[in-house]
Amino acid sequence: METMIINIKSEDDKHLFLSLAKRLRLKATFLTDDEKEEYGLLKSMLEGQTKEYVSKEAIMEALKK
């Protein structure tokens, strides 16, 4: 299963996409601003993840700069 995010700018477009989703028997969910922010943070964390171990000392040194 894949997920598509569409930014809708008007109530008319919102109703059009919701009607289309219902007609195609797709699940449609609207996200709050907080949920969109959380998604963005998660995406950034996953993209930045290197799977390398970083020591506490290296982190503290980087924060001092």
C-alpha atoms as a PDB file:
ATOM      1  CA  MET A   1       0.000   0.000   0.000  1.00  0.00           C
ATOM      2  CA  GLU A   2       1.227   3.501  -0.799  1.00  0.00           C
ATOM      3  CA  THR A   3       0.246   6.859   0.608  1.00  0.00           C
ATOM      4  CA  MET A   4      -0.244  10.090  -1.288  1.00  0.00           C
ATOM      5  CA  ILE A   5      -0.308  13.501   0.356  1.00  0.00           C
ATOM      6  CA  ILE A   6      -2.097  16.285  -1.495  1.00  0.00           C
ATOM      7  CA  ASN A   7      -2.164  19.871  -0.278  1.00  0.00           C
ATOM      8  CA  ILE A   8      -5.638  21.233  -0.913  1.00  0.00           C
ATOM      9  CA  LYS A   9      -6.172  24.978  -1.070  1.00  0.00           C
ATOM     10  CA  SER A  10      -9.963  25.326  -1.122  1.00  0.00           C
ATOM     11  CA  GLU A  11     -13.034  23.719   0.418  1.00  0.00           C
ATOM     12  CA  ASP A  12     -14.362  22.934  -3.063  1.00  0.00           C
ATOM     13  CA  ASP A  13     -11.199  20.979  -3.913  1.00  0.00           C
ATOM     14  CA  LYS A  14     -11.393  19.223  -0.542  1.00  0.00           C
ATOM     15  CA  HIS A  15     -14.927  18.031  -1.264  1.00  0.00           C
ATOM     16  CA  LEU A  16     -13.960  16.998  -4.808  1.00  0.00           C
ATOM     17  CA  PHE A  17     -11.040  14.839  -3.628  1.00  0.00           C
ATOM     18  CA  LEU A  18     -13.091  13.369  -0.780  1.00  0.00           C
ATOM     19  CA  SER A  19     -15.894  12.429  -3.198  1.00  0.00           C
ATOM     20  CA  LEU A  20     -13.395  10.876  -5.588  1.00  0.00           C
ATOM     21  CA  ALA A  21     -11.795   8.861  -2.787  1.00  0.00           C
ATOM     22  CA  LYS A  22     -15.181   7.550  -1.673  1.00  0.00           C
ATOM     23  CA  ARG A  23     -16.131   6.659  -5.240  1.00  0.00           C
ATOM     24  CA  LEU A  24     -12.858   4.751  -5.721  1.00  0.00           C
ATOM     25  CA  ARG A  25     -13.298   3.099  -2.285  1.00  0.00           C
ATOM     26  CA  LEU A  26     -10.102   4.664  -0.966  1.00  0.00           C
ATOM     27  CA  LYS A  27      -9.483   5.773   2.590  1.00  0.00           C
ATOM     28  CA  ALA A  28      -9.071   9.538   2.937  1.00  0.00           C
ATOM     29  CA  THR A  29      -7.688  11.157   6.074  1.00  0.00           C
ATOM     30  CA  PHE A  30      -7.104  14.824   6.784  1.00  0.00           C
ATOM     31  CA  LEU A  31      -4.042  15.782   8.830  1.00  0.00           C
ATOM     32  CA  THR A  32      -3.886  18.565  11.377  1.00  0.00           C
ATOM     33  CA  ASP A  33      -1.032  21.067  11.270  1.00  0.00           C
ATOM     34  CA  ASP A  34       0.563  19.265  14.239  1.00  0.00           C
ATOM     35  CA  GLU A  35       0.392  15.912  12.443  1.00  0.00           C
ATOM     36  CA  LYS A  36       1.987  17.418   9.323  1.00  0.00           C
ATOM     37  CA  GLU A  37       4.790  18.859  11.460  1.00  0.00           C
ATOM     38  CA  GLU A  38       5.376  15.500  13.160  1.00  0.00           C
ATOM     39  CA  TYR A  39       5.535  13.800   9.748  1.00  0.00           C
ATOM     40  CA  GLY A  40       8.115  16.337   8.572  1.00  0.00           C
ATOM     41  CA  LEU A  41      10.247  15.788  11.673  1.00  0.00           C
ATOM     42  CA  LEU A  42      10.077  12.009  11.296  1.00  0.00           C
ATOM     43  CA  LYS A  43      11.026  12.259   7.623  1.00  0.00           C
ATOM     44  CA  SER A  44      14.025  14.455   8.477  1.00  0.00           C
ATOM     45  CA  MET A  45      15.168  12.054  11.189  1.00  0.00           C
ATOM     46  CA  LEU A  46      14.930   9.043   8.881  1.00  0.00           C
ATOM     47  CA  GLU A  47      16.821  10.822   6.088  1.00  0.00           C
ATOM     48  CA  GLY A  48      19.569  11.856   8.518  1.00  0.00           C
ATOM     49  CA  GLN A  49      19.890   8.435  10.089  1.00  0.00           C
ATOM     50  CA  THR A  50      23.302   6.934   9.289  1.00  0.00           C
ATOM     51  CA  LYS A  51      23.118   3.798  11.459  1.00  0.00           C
ATOM     52  CA  GLU A  52      26.562   4.696  12.813  1.00  0.00           C
ATOM     53  CA  TYR A  53      27.211   4.828  16.522  1.00  0.00           C
ATOM     54  CA  VAL A  54      28.116   8.324  17.674  1.00  0.00           C
ATOM     55  CA  SER A  55      29.676   8.693  21.087  1.00  0.00           C
ATOM     56  CA  LYS A  56      28.354  11.072  23.706  1.00  0.00           C
ATOM     57  CA  GLU A  57      31.666  12.927  23.600  1.00  0.00           C
ATOM     58  CA  ALA A  58      31.369  13.530  19.834  1.00  0.00           C
ATOM     59  CA  ILE A  59      27.869  14.899  20.275  1.00  0.00           C
ATOM     60  CA  MET A  60      28.906  17.198  23.124  1.00  0.00           C
ATOM     61  CA  GLU A  61      31.865  18.460  21.074  1.00  0.00           C
ATOM     62  CA  ALA A  62      29.606  19.199  18.098  1.00  0.00           C
ATOM     63  CA  LEU A  63      27.171  21.086  20.344  1.00  0.00           C
ATOM     64  CA  LYS A  64      29.958  23.296  21.691  1.00  0.00           C
ATOM     65  CA  LYS A  65      30.680  24.630  18.190  1.00  0.00           C
END
